[in-house]
Structure formats: C-alpha cells, structure tokens
C-alpha atoms as a PDB file:
ATOM      1  CA  MET A   1     -90.203 186.582  37.701  1.00  0.00           C
ATOM      2  CA  GLU A   2     -93.646 185.152  38.340  1.00  0.00           C
ATOM      3  CA  LEU A   3     -95.194 183.552  35.263  1.00  0.00           C
ATOM      4  CA  PRO A   4     -97.463 184.143  33.452  1.00  0.00           C
ATOM      5  CA  PRO A   5     -96.997 186.502  31.625  1.00  0.00           C
ATOM      6  CA  LEU A   6     -93.830 185.479  29.827  1.00  0.00           C
ATOM      7  CA  PRO A   7     -90.793 187.691  29.233  1.00  0.00           C
ATOM      8  CA  TYR A   8     -90.947 189.168  25.729  1.00  0.00           C
ATOM      9  CA  TYR A   9     -87.951 189.337  23.393  1.00  0.00           C
ATOM     10  CA  ILE A  10     -87.392 192.704  21.712  1.00  0.00           C
ATOM     11  CA  THR A  11     -84.040 192.762  19.939  1.00  0.00           C
ATOM     12  CA  ILE A  12     -80.400 191.623  19.976  1.00  0.00           C
ATOM     13  CA  GLY A  13     -77.084 193.219  19.070  1.00  0.00           C
ATOM     14  CA  LEU A  14     -73.366 192.439  19.022  1.00  0.00           C
ATOM     15  CA  SER A  15     -70.943 195.098  20.255  1.00  0.00           C
ATOM     16  CA  THR A  16     -67.164 195.266  20.017  1.00  0.00           C
ATOM     17  CA  TYR A  17     -65.201 197.641  22.287  1.00  0.00           C
ATOM     18  CA  LEU A  18     -61.563 198.435  21.645  1.00  0.00           C
ATOM     19  CA  PRO A  19     -59.171 199.057  24.558  1.00  0.00           C
ATOM     20  CA  GLY A  20     -60.260 202.164  26.420  1.00  0.00           C
ATOM     21  CA  GLU A  21     -63.839 202.131  25.126  1.00  0.00           C
ATOM     22  CA  MET A  22     -66.741 201.922  27.597  1.00  0.00           C
ATOM     23  CA  HIS A  23     -70.398 200.954  27.780  1.00  0.00           C
ATOM     24  CA  PRO A  24     -72.661 204.042  27.792  1.00  0.00           C
ATOM     25  CA  SER A  25     -74.358 205.267  30.969  1.00  0.00           C
ATOM     26  CA  ARG A  26     -78.155 204.993  31.096  1.00  0.00           C
ATOM     27  CA  ARG A  27     -80.854 205.529  33.679  1.00  0.00           C
ATOM     28  CA  ASN A  28     -84.351 203.976  33.922  1.00  0.00           C
ATOM     29  CA  LEU A  29     -84.150 202.296  30.530  1.00  0.00           C
ATOM     30  CA  GLY A  30     -87.540 200.673  31.147  1.00  0.00           C
ATOM     31  CA  ILE A  31     -86.542 197.266  29.741  1.00  0.00           C
ATOM     32  CA  PHE A  32     -84.142 194.510  30.765  1.00  0.00           C
ATOM     33  CA  ASP A  33     -80.683 194.459  29.160  1.00  0.00           C
ATOM     34  CA  LEU A  34     -79.021 191.033  29.187  1.00  0.00           C
ATOM     35  CA  LEU A  35     -75.296 191.016  28.363  1.00  0.00           C
ATOM     36  CA  TRP A  36     -73.328 187.929  27.230  1.00  0.00           C
ATOM     37  CA  VAL A  37     -69.557 188.495  27.054  1.00  0.00           C
ATOM     38  CA  THR A  38     -67.742 186.261  24.549  1.00  0.00           C
ATOM     39  CA  LYS A  39     -64.317 187.938  24.628  1.00  0.00           C
ATOM     40  CA  GLY A  40     -62.465 190.280  26.976  1.00  0.00           C
ATOM     41  CA  THR A  41     -63.864 191.956  30.084  1.00  0.00           C
ATOM     42  CA  LEU A  42     -66.673 194.463  30.485  1.00  0.00           C
ATOM     43  CA  TYR A  43     -66.530 196.671  33.600  1.00  0.00           C
ATOM     44  CA  MET A  44     -70.089 197.601  34.529  1.00  0.00           C
ATOM     45  CA  GLY A  45     -71.903 199.165  37.459  1.00  0.00           C
ATOM     46  CA  GLU A  46     -75.536 199.396  38.492  1.00  0.00           C
ATOM     47  CA  ASP A  47     -76.392 201.749  41.345  1.00  0.00           C
ATOM     48  CA  ASP A  48     -74.012 200.673  44.159  1.00  0.00           C
ATOM     49  CA  ASN A  49     -72.891 197.384  42.568  1.00  0.00           C
ATOM     50  CA  GLU A  50     -69.948 196.835  40.247  1.00  0.00           C
ATOM     51  CA  TRP A  51     -68.926 193.800  38.188  1.00  0.00           C
ATOM     52  CA  GLU A  52     -66.124 192.546  35.964  1.00  0.00           C
ATOM     53  CA  VAL A  53     -67.960 190.521  33.319  1.00  0.00           C
ATOM     54  CA  THR A  54     -65.459 188.261  31.595  1.00  0.00           C
ATOM     55  CA  GLU A  55     -65.653 185.761  28.742  1.00  0.00           C
ATOM     56  CA  GLY A  56     -68.367 183.179  29.383  1.00  0.00           C
ATOM     57  CA  GLN A  57     -70.255 185.344  31.866  1.00  0.00           C
ATOM     58  CA  THR A  58     -73.573 187.201  31.781  1.00  0.00           C
ATOM     59  CA  LEU A  59     -74.952 190.319  33.422  1.00  0.00           C
ATOM     60  CA  LEU A  60     -78.615 191.313  33.660  1.00  0.00           C
ATOM     61  CA  LEU A  61     -79.142 195.086  33.915  1.00  0.00           C
ATOM     62  CA  LEU A  62     -82.489 195.921  35.510  1.00  0.00           C
ATOM     63  CA  PRO A  63     -84.975 198.330  33.918  1.00  0.00           C
ATOM     64  CA  ASP A  64     -85.341 200.798  36.817  1.00  0.00           C
ATOM     65  CA  ARG A  65     -81.660 201.314  37.753  1.00  0.00           C
ATOM     66  CA  TYR A  66     -78.712 203.500  36.819  1.00  0.00           C
ATOM     67  CA  HIS A  67     -76.157 201.663  34.643  1.00  0.00           C
ATOM     68  CA  TYR A  68     -72.648 203.025  34.072  1.00  0.00           C
ATOM     69  CA  PRO A  69     -69.162 201.932  32.995  1.00  0.00           C
ATOM     70  CA  VAL A  70     -66.721 201.442  35.866  1.00  0.00           C
ATOM     71  CA  ARG A  71     -63.788 201.907  33.495  1.00  0.00           C
ATOM     72  CA  GLY A  72     -62.733 201.297  29.943  1.00  0.00           C
ATOM     73  CA  CYS A  73     -61.927 197.874  28.518  1.00  0.00           C
ATOM     74  CA  ASP A  74     -58.335 196.623  28.856  1.00  0.00           C
ATOM     75  CA  ILE A  75     -58.451 194.525  25.684  1.00  0.00           C
ATOM     76  CA  GLU A  76     -60.824 194.052  22.790  1.00  0.00           C
ATOM     77  CA  THR A  77     -64.145 193.058  24.314  1.00  0.00           C
ATOM     78  CA  ILE A  78     -67.050 191.494  22.434  1.00  0.00           C
ATOM     79  CA  PHE A  79     -70.500 190.900  23.866  1.00  0.00           C
ATOM     80  CA  TYR A  80     -74.059 190.194  22.797  1.00  0.00           C
ATOM     81  CA  TRP A  81     -76.863 192.241  24.327  1.00  0.00           C
ATOM     82  CA  ILE A  82     -80.530 191.321  24.421  1.00  0.00           C
ATOM     83  CA  HIS A  83     -83.307 193.754  25.232  1.00  0.00           C
ATOM     84  CA  PHE A  84     -86.466 192.185  26.604  1.00  0.00           C
ATOM     85  CA  ASP A  85     -89.602 193.300  28.410  1.00  0.00           C
ATOM     86  CA  PHE A  86     -91.602 191.732  31.220  1.00  0.00           C
ATOM     87  CA  GLN A  87     -94.998 193.061  32.276  1.00  0.00           C
ATOM     88  CA  GLY A  88     -95.422 190.761  35.280  1.00  0.00           C
ATOM     89  CA  ASP A  89     -94.187 190.950  38.878  1.00  0.00           C
ATOM     90  CA  TRP A  90     -90.484 190.561  39.534  1.00  0.00           C
ATOM     91  CA  HIS A  91     -88.200 191.195  42.487  1.00  0.00           C
ATOM     92  CA  GLN A  92     -84.528 191.073  43.309  1.00  0.00           C
ATOM     93  CA  THR A  93     -83.255 188.794  46.045  1.00  0.00           C
ATOM     94  CA  THR A  94     -79.967 188.434  47.847  1.00  0.00           C
ATOM     95  CA  ASP A  95     -77.644 185.469  47.344  1.00  0.00           C
ATOM     96  CA  GLY A  96     -78.582 182.564  49.563  1.00  0.00           C
ATOM     97  CA  ASP A  97     -82.114 183.821  50.150  1.00  0.00           C
ATOM     98  CA  LEU A  98     -83.696 180.831  48.445  1.00  0.00           C
ATOM     99  CA  GLY A  99     -86.874 180.502  50.492  1.00  0.00           C
ATOM    100  CA  PRO A 100     -88.968 183.163  48.776  1.00  0.00           C
ATOM    101  CA  ILE A 101     -87.571 182.213  45.376  1.00  0.00           C
ATOM    102  CA  TYR A 102     -88.793 178.628  45.397  1.00  0.00           C
ATOM    103  CA  SER A 103     -91.842 179.237  47.568  1.00  0.00           C
ATOM    104  CA  GLN A 104     -95.080 178.980  45.611  1.00  0.00           C
ATOM    105  CA  GLN A 105     -98.685 178.201  46.297  1.00  0.00           C
ATOM    106  CA  VAL A 106    -100.647 175.214  45.017  1.00  0.00           C
ATOM    107  CA  ARG A 107    -100.469 174.887  41.249  1.00  0.00           C
ATOM    108  CA  LYS A 108    -103.920 176.093  40.294  1.00  0.00           C
ATOM    109  CA  GLY A 109    -105.808 174.192  37.658  1.00  0.00           C
ATOM    110  CA  TRP A 110    -105.661 176.837  34.942  1.00  0.00           C
ATOM    111  CA  GLU A 111    -103.080 179.289  36.256  1.00  0.00           C
ATOM    112  CA  ASN A 112    -100.073 177.001  36.820  1.00  0.00           C
ATOM    113  CA  PRO A 113     -97.693 179.708  38.087  1.00  0.00           C
ATOM    114  CA  TYR A 114     -93.959 179.304  37.755  1.00  0.00           C
ATOM    115  CA  ARG A 115     -91.032 181.448  38.804  1.00  0.00           C
ATOM    116  CA  ILE A 116     -87.902 182.031  36.789  1.00  0.00           C
ATOM    117  CA  ARG A 117     -84.803 182.684  38.852  1.00  0.00           C
ATOM    118  CA  ILE A 118     -82.207 184.472  36.707  1.00  0.00           C
ATOM    119  CA  PRO A 119     -78.849 185.248  38.320  1.00  0.00           C
ATOM    120  CA  GLN A 120     -78.019 188.902  37.733  1.00  0.00           C
ATOM    121  CA  TYR A 121     -74.345 187.997  37.321  1.00  0.00           C
ATOM    122  CA  GLY A 122     -73.039 184.538  36.598  1.00  0.00           C
ATOM    123  CA  ALA A 123     -71.400 181.994  34.308  1.00  0.00           C
ATOM    124  CA  PRO A 124     -73.959 179.666  32.684  1.00  0.00           C
ATOM    125  CA  PRO A 125     -72.548 176.114  32.486  1.00  0.00           C
ATOM    126  CA  GLU A 126     -73.844 175.729  28.910  1.00  0.00           C
ATOM    127  CA  PHE A 127     -72.447 178.992  27.595  1.00  0.00           C
ATOM    128  CA  ALA A 128     -71.259 177.389  24.331  1.00  0.00           C
ATOM    129  CA  LEU A 129     -74.832 176.289  23.581  1.00  0.00           C
ATOM    130  CA  ALA A 130     -76.097 179.747  24.510  1.00  0.00           C
ATOM    131  CA  GLU A 131     -73.602 181.321  22.110  1.00  0.00           C
ATOM    132  CA  ARG A 132     -74.989 179.234  19.243  1.00  0.00           C
ATOM    133  CA  HIS A 133     -78.485 180.486  20.074  1.00  0.00           C
ATOM    134  CA  LEU A 134     -77.189 184.053  20.225  1.00  0.00           C
ATOM    135  CA  ARG A 135     -75.596 183.777  16.777  1.00  0.00           C
ATOM    136  CA  LYS A 136     -78.852 182.434  15.340  1.00  0.00           C
ATOM    137  CA  LEU A 137     -80.823 185.251  16.991  1.00  0.00           C
ATOM    138  CA  LEU A 138     -78.454 187.812  15.507  1.00  0.00           C
ATOM    139  CA  THR A 139     -78.830 186.245  12.061  1.00  0.00           C
ATOM    140  CA  ASP A 140     -82.621 186.270  12.389  1.00  0.00           C
ATOM    141  CA  SER A 141     -82.582 189.970  13.291  1.00  0.00           C
ATOM    142  CA  ALA A 142     -81.484 190.789   9.735  1.00  0.00           C
ATOM    143  CA  HIS A 143     -84.673 189.285   8.288  1.00  0.00           C
ATOM    144  CA  PRO A 144     -88.237 190.637   8.342  1.00  0.00           C
ATOM    145  CA  ARG A 145     -89.852 190.137  11.753  1.00  0.00           C
ATOM    146  CA  SER A 146     -92.848 188.436  10.154  1.00  0.00           C
ATOM    147  CA  GLU A 147     -90.534 185.620   9.020  1.00  0.00           C
ATOM    148  CA  THR A 148     -88.554 185.147  12.221  1.00  0.00           C
ATOM    149  CA  TYR A 149     -90.931 186.081  15.054  1.00  0.00           C
ATOM    150  CA  TRP A 150     -91.572 182.572  16.374  1.00  0.00           C
ATOM    151  CA  SER A 151     -87.975 181.449  15.914  1.00  0.00           C
ATOM    152  CA  GLU A 152     -86.733 184.488  17.850  1.00  0.00           C
ATOM    153  CA  GLN A 153     -89.129 183.997  20.742  1.00  0.00           C
ATOM    154  CA  GLN A 154     -88.273 180.293  20.977  1.00  0.00           C
ATOM    155  CA  LEU A 155     -84.513 180.963  20.975  1.00  0.00           C
ATOM    156  CA  PHE A 156     -84.954 183.665  23.608  1.00  0.00           C
ATOM    157  CA  MET A 157     -86.939 181.344  25.872  1.00  0.00           C
ATOM    158  CA  GLU A 158     -84.255 178.680  25.450  1.00  0.00           C
ATOM    159  CA  LEU A 159     -81.643 181.224  26.581  1.00  0.00           C
ATOM    160  CA  LEU A 160     -83.722 182.000  29.671  1.00  0.00           C
ATOM    161  CA  ARG A 161     -83.997 178.277  30.358  1.00  0.00           C
ATOM    162  CA  LEU A 162     -80.208 178.005  30.329  1.00  0.00           C
ATOM    163  CA  LEU A 163     -80.009 180.885  32.807  1.00  0.00           C
ATOM    164  CA  ASP A 164     -82.810 179.732  35.084  1.00  0.00           C
ATOM    165  CA  ALA A 165     -81.065 178.639  38.268  1.00  0.00           C
ATOM    166  CA  GLY A 166     -84.183 176.746  39.250  1.00  0.00           C
ATOM    167  CA  HIS A 167     -83.950 174.522  36.173  1.00  0.00           C
ATOM    168  CA  SER A 168     -81.006 172.385  37.262  1.00  0.00           C
ATOM    169  CA  ARG A 169     -81.526 173.001  40.975  1.00  0.00           C
ATOM    170  CA  SER A 170     -77.786 172.470  41.446  1.00  0.00           C
ATOM    171  CA  ASP A 171     -77.839 174.858  44.403  1.00  0.00           C
ATOM    172  CA  ALA A 172     -80.952 173.418  46.031  1.00  0.00           C
ATOM    173  CA  SER A 173     -80.691 172.238  49.628  1.00  0.00           C
ATOM    174  CA  PRO A 174     -81.779 168.703  50.668  1.00  0.00           C
ATOM    175  CA  GLY A 175     -84.888 170.244  52.237  1.00  0.00           C
ATOM    176  CA  GLN A 176     -85.817 171.998  48.989  1.00  0.00           C
ATOM    177  CA  LEU A 177     -85.330 168.836  46.971  1.00  0.00           C
ATOM    178  CA  LEU A 178     -87.465 166.829  49.398  1.00  0.00           C
ATOM    179  CA  ALA A 179     -90.239 169.428  49.381  1.00  0.00           C
ATOM    180  CA  ASP A 180     -90.339 169.371  45.584  1.00  0.00           C
ATOM    181  CA  LYS A 181     -90.531 165.572  45.555  1.00  0.00           C
ATOM    182  CA  VAL A 182     -93.361 165.611  48.090  1.00  0.00           C
ATOM    183  CA  GLU A 183     -95.206 168.295  46.110  1.00  0.00           C
ATOM    184  CA  ALA A 184     -94.932 166.236  42.917  1.00  0.00           C
ATOM    185  CA  TYR A 185     -96.055 163.109  44.789  1.00  0.00           C
ATOM    186  CA  LEU A 186     -99.122 164.899  46.173  1.00  0.00           C
ATOM    187  CA  ARG A 187    -100.148 166.040  42.706  1.00  0.00           C
ATOM    188  CA  GLN A 188     -99.736 162.524  41.341  1.00  0.00           C
ATOM    189  CA  HIS A 189    -101.537 160.747  44.203  1.00  0.00           C
ATOM    190  CA  TYR A 190    -104.132 163.339  45.256  1.00  0.00           C
ATOM    191  CA  GLN A 191    -106.931 160.833  44.616  1.00  0.00           C
ATOM    192  CA  SER A 192    -105.470 158.396  47.152  1.00  0.00           C
ATOM    193  CA  ASP A 193    -105.635 158.347  50.929  1.00  0.00           C
ATOM    194  CA  VAL A 194    -102.404 160.267  51.573  1.00  0.00           C
ATOM    195  CA  THR A 195    -101.386 161.034  55.157  1.00  0.00           C
ATOM    196  CA  ASN A 196     -98.296 162.372  56.890  1.00  0.00           C
ATOM    197  CA  SER A 197     -97.518 158.799  57.929  1.00  0.00           C
ATOM    198  CA  SER A 198     -97.777 157.472  54.388  1.00  0.00           C
ATOM    199  CA  LEU A 199     -95.508 160.286  53.163  1.00  0.00           C
ATOM    200  CA  ALA A 200     -92.962 159.366  55.837  1.00  0.00           C
ATOM    201  CA  GLU A 201     -93.076 155.750  54.680  1.00  0.00           C
ATOM    202  CA  GLU A 202     -92.756 156.753  51.025  1.00  0.00           C
ATOM    203  CA  PHE A 203     -89.811 159.147  51.462  1.00  0.00           C
ATOM    204  CA  HIS A 204     -88.122 157.560  54.511  1.00  0.00           C
ATOM    205  CA  PHE A 205     -88.100 160.747  56.584  1.00  0.00           C
ATOM    206  CA  HIS A 206     -89.790 161.621  59.863  1.00  0.00           C
ATOM    207  CA  PRO A 207     -93.214 163.231  59.315  1.00  0.00           C
ATOM    208  CA  ASN A 208     -92.164 166.340  61.250  1.00  0.00           C
ATOM    209  CA  TYR A 209     -89.184 166.869  58.939  1.00  0.00           C
ATOM    210  CA  ILE A 210     -91.359 166.550  55.839  1.00  0.00           C
ATOM    211  CA  VAL A 211     -93.863 169.020  57.265  1.00  0.00           C
ATOM    212  CA  ARG A 212     -91.075 171.469  58.120  1.00  0.00           C
ATOM    213  CA  CYS A 213     -89.590 171.274  54.612  1.00  0.00           C
ATOM    214  CA  MET A 214     -92.961 171.832  52.948  1.00  0.00           C
ATOM    215  CA  LYS A 215     -93.726 174.813  55.188  1.00  0.00           C
ATOM    216  CA  GLU A 216     -90.348 176.383  54.420  1.00  0.00           C
ATOM    217  CA  ILE A 217     -90.596 175.934  50.649  1.00  0.00           C
ATOM    218  CA  TYR A 218     -94.348 175.924  49.894  1.00  0.00           C
ATOM    219  CA  ASP A 219     -95.642 177.944  52.855  1.00  0.00           C
ATOM    220  CA  CYS A 220     -98.026 175.160  53.892  1.00  0.00           C
ATOM    221  CA  THR A 221     -98.091 171.645  55.323  1.00  0.00           C
ATOM    222  CA  PRO A 222     -98.390 168.620  53.017  1.00  0.00           C
ATOM    223  CA  MET A 223    -101.991 168.050  54.076  1.00  0.00           C
ATOM    224  CA  ALA A 224    -102.890 171.694  53.447  1.00  0.00           C
ATOM    225  CA  TYR A 225    -101.294 171.482  50.012  1.00  0.00           C
ATOM    226  CA  LEU A 226    -103.178 168.268  49.274  1.00  0.00           C
ATOM    227  CA  HIS A 227    -106.480 169.824  50.356  1.00  0.00           C
ATOM    228  CA  ASP A 228    -105.973 172.916  48.191  1.00  0.00           C
ATOM    229  CA  TYR A 229    -104.862 170.886  45.200  1.00  0.00           C
ATOM    230  CA  ARG A 230    -107.966 168.711  45.437  1.00  0.00           C
ATOM    231  CA  ILE A 231    -110.125 171.832  45.455  1.00  0.00           C
ATOM    232  CA  GLU A 232    -108.357 173.070  42.320  1.00  0.00           C
ATOM    233  CA  GLN A 233    -108.998 169.749  40.588  1.00  0.00           C
ATOM    234  CA  ALA A 234    -112.646 169.969  41.648  1.00  0.00           C
ATOM    235  CA  LYS A 235    -112.906 173.366  39.932  1.00  0.00           C
ATOM    236  CA  LEU A 236    -111.700 171.853  36.683  1.00  0.00           C
ATOM    237  CA  LEU A 237    -114.119 168.937  36.899  1.00  0.00           C
ATOM    238  CA  LEU A 238    -117.037 171.223  37.704  1.00  0.00           C
ATOM    239  CA  ILE A 239    -116.338 173.203  34.539  1.00  0.00           C
ATOM    240  CA  LYS A 240    -115.210 170.464  32.154  1.00  0.00           C
ATOM    241  CA  THR A 241    -117.671 167.680  33.081  1.00  0.00           C
ATOM    242  CA  GLU A 242    -121.295 167.122  33.944  1.00  0.00           C
ATOM    243  CA  TRP A 243    -120.388 164.798  36.793  1.00  0.00           C
ATOM    244  CA  SER A 244    -122.428 164.892  39.951  1.00  0.00           C
ATOM    245  CA  ILE A 245    -121.010 166.495  43.071  1.00  0.00           C
ATOM    246  CA  ALA A 246    -120.775 163.053  44.685  1.00  0.00           C
ATOM    247  CA  ARG A 247    -118.781 161.645  41.779  1.00  0.00           C
ATOM    248  CA  ILE A 248    -116.394 164.606  41.783  1.00  0.00           C
ATOM    249  CA  ALA A 249    -115.913 164.319  45.539  1.00  0.00           C
ATOM    250  CA  GLU A 250    -115.061 160.637  45.261  1.00  0.00           C
ATOM    251  CA  HIS A 251    -112.791 161.175  42.249  1.00  0.00           C
ATOM    252  CA  ILE A 252    -110.585 163.758  43.978  1.00  0.00           C
ATOM    253  CA  GLY A 253    -110.237 161.837  47.237  1.00  0.00           C
ATOM    254  CA  PHE A 254    -112.959 163.166  49.556  1.00  0.00           C
ATOM    255  CA  LEU A 255    -114.808 160.639  51.697  1.00  0.00           C
ATOM    256  CA  ASN A 256    -118.304 162.025  51.069  1.00  0.00           C
ATOM    257  CA  ALA A 257    -120.099 164.727  49.110  1.00  0.00           C
ATOM    258  CA  PRO A 258    -121.368 166.880  52.049  1.00  0.00           C
ATOM    259  CA  TYR A 259    -117.868 167.135  53.517  1.00  0.00           C
ATOM    260  CA  PHE A 260    -116.464 168.025  50.086  1.00  0.00           C
ATOM    261  CA  SER A 261    -119.118 170.715  49.587  1.00  0.00           C
ATOM    262  CA  ASN A 262    -118.323 172.270  52.963  1.00  0.00           C
ATOM    263  CA  CYS A 263    -114.600 172.266  52.210  1.00  0.00           C
ATOM    264  CA  PHE A 264    -115.166 173.717  48.741  1.00  0.00           C
ATOM    265  CA  LYS A 265    -117.339 176.535  50.057  1.00  0.00           C
ATOM    266  CA  GLY A 266    -114.834 177.268  52.791  1.00  0.00           C
ATOM    267  CA  ALA A 267    -112.030 177.579  50.241  1.00  0.00           C
ATOM    268  CA  VAL A 268    -113.837 179.248  47.353  1.00  0.00           C
ATOM    269  CA  GLY A 269    -116.631 181.119  49.110  1.00  0.00           C
ATOM    270  CA  ILE A 270    -119.495 179.531  47.179  1.00  0.00           C
ATOM    271  CA  SER A 271    -120.922 176.027  46.798  1.00  0.00           C
ATOM    272  CA  PRO A 272    -119.720 173.666  44.049  1.00  0.00           C
ATOM    273  CA  LEU A 273    -123.046 173.956  42.204  1.00  0.00           C
ATOM    274  CA  ARG A 274    -122.967 177.726  42.274  1.00  0.00           C
ATOM    275  CA  PHE A 275    -119.385 177.678  41.043  1.00  0.00           C
ATOM    276  CA  ARG A 276    -120.455 175.488  38.099  1.00  0.00           C
ATOM    277  CA  LYS A 277    -123.374 177.771  37.241  1.00  0.00           C
ATOM    278  CA  GLN A 278    -121.008 180.749  36.935  1.00  0.00           C
ATOM    279  CA  TYR A 279    -119.459 179.117  33.866  1.00  0.00           C
ATOM    280  CA  SER A 280    -122.572 177.506  32.381  1.00  0.00           C
ATOM    281  CA  ALA A 281    -123.845 178.780  29.063  1.00  0.00           C
END
C-alpha cells in the first residue's frame, strides 16, 4: 500500500465458531477484512487460494475477491476480525518478489511516500502484543465513537506496524540493507561532496556493487538519487525562505547558481524563480 493516504479503521468484532461452523461466503466486499485467530483453526479460501489459519496467525482478505469457507472448524475457534478501508493504490505481490515492494523514488520534500507491506497470511512475531491491542479495540467499540475515535485509529495503526514486513526487515537481503543505508546516508549528507568513490570508502563495498544495489531497490544510481533529493530540498527552500538562488544552490551542494538553475529547470520544467513565484502571495 502506497502512503499517503493512510488505511482507515472501520470496526472490529470477535467471533466464536463451534465445531462444524464455518465463515460465511462473500464476494466483492469492498473493504479489507483482517482476521486474527486466537484459538483453533479457521479454514478459509479466496479465489484459488486456501489457508488453514491457526492460533497466532493472521489472514488478510482482499476487498475485490471471493471469500469462502473451505470446511467447518474441527474445534472451537475464536478470532478477531477488523474491517478497514484504503483509498490509495495497492497491489498484491508474490512471495520472494521483493524488488517492487521496497523500490521507491526519492523522498519528496512534502510527499514523503512510504509503502506498507502486509503479508496476506502469516504469524506476527509479536502476536501477544497484538492481542492486547485487539482487546482494547474491542472494548473501545462499545463506547461512543466520538470518545474513542483517536484511540481506535492509533491502535489500528499499531497493529499494521506489527504486521508490516518492512518494519523489521528480517527478510531483507544484504543488497536491500545496503541500499537503504546508502539512501539514508545520501539524505543526511546531501550538502556534502558525495561521490561513488566516497560511498565506497564509507560502506567498504566496490562502487559498482553499491550502484547495482541502489538501481535494484531504488530504480536509480546513488548519484541520480542525490541529484533528485537536492532538487527536492531546493523546492522546500524556495517556498519556505527568501534566500537567493545562489545561497540555495550552495546550501544543497551545487557548485554554482547557473548550474543549479539549469538542473532545476531540467528536473522541474521551470526555473527556480518561477517555481517560487507560483507559491508567492
């Protein structure tokens, strides 16, 4: 899920199925249905996929699919369900296809996009903590929404954080971890004279390997990322300050103002001064 916007919590429930009972079939529900099994096993299917969701596991049912019970429960089965909406762009990926998941463009000055990666079926390592949040959400649902709105949204976002596979990065490859470190370094040192050679010295890897990792994860070379990030910082300074073009160019790491202006126009389509005038009162 590409953020913003943020996923929006709707409601929660707790269901208990006796042996032989089944989850109802539904088609094109229009919202996400997140199941958290705390006891027993829930046998669920979605289109051509089928799962056995046992205690300590979760299943995310997608809004545009056909959901159905594979068979009835063997023993008493208890699970929480959360309905939530998301008005942004989302897509489903296959296991192991991590490139597109972590790939993102330069963090723009005021957009700051982020992607949540939620496993459709899995066992969150902090399930006990999640269960405490779920109990609190269920308790809040009995009170007027005006009293619990912010608490509910905060608890829901904390549950998504626990599910976000990108949060712990436990499955990240060495190349992904290196690319993220380089990206963070470029944002921190964009005002300095950063080169492929200086990155190699900083991270103790061959420049070609660093370039390859950045291209695989961020779809650009380190120097291209650095250039675009400097342009984004220039946009902020043009709007938030009255600094001269020369001062902005120097502040963000460009050697001279004319070169900065040419680069800015090439990236944005208009000159720095014209960009500033668009937002002037």
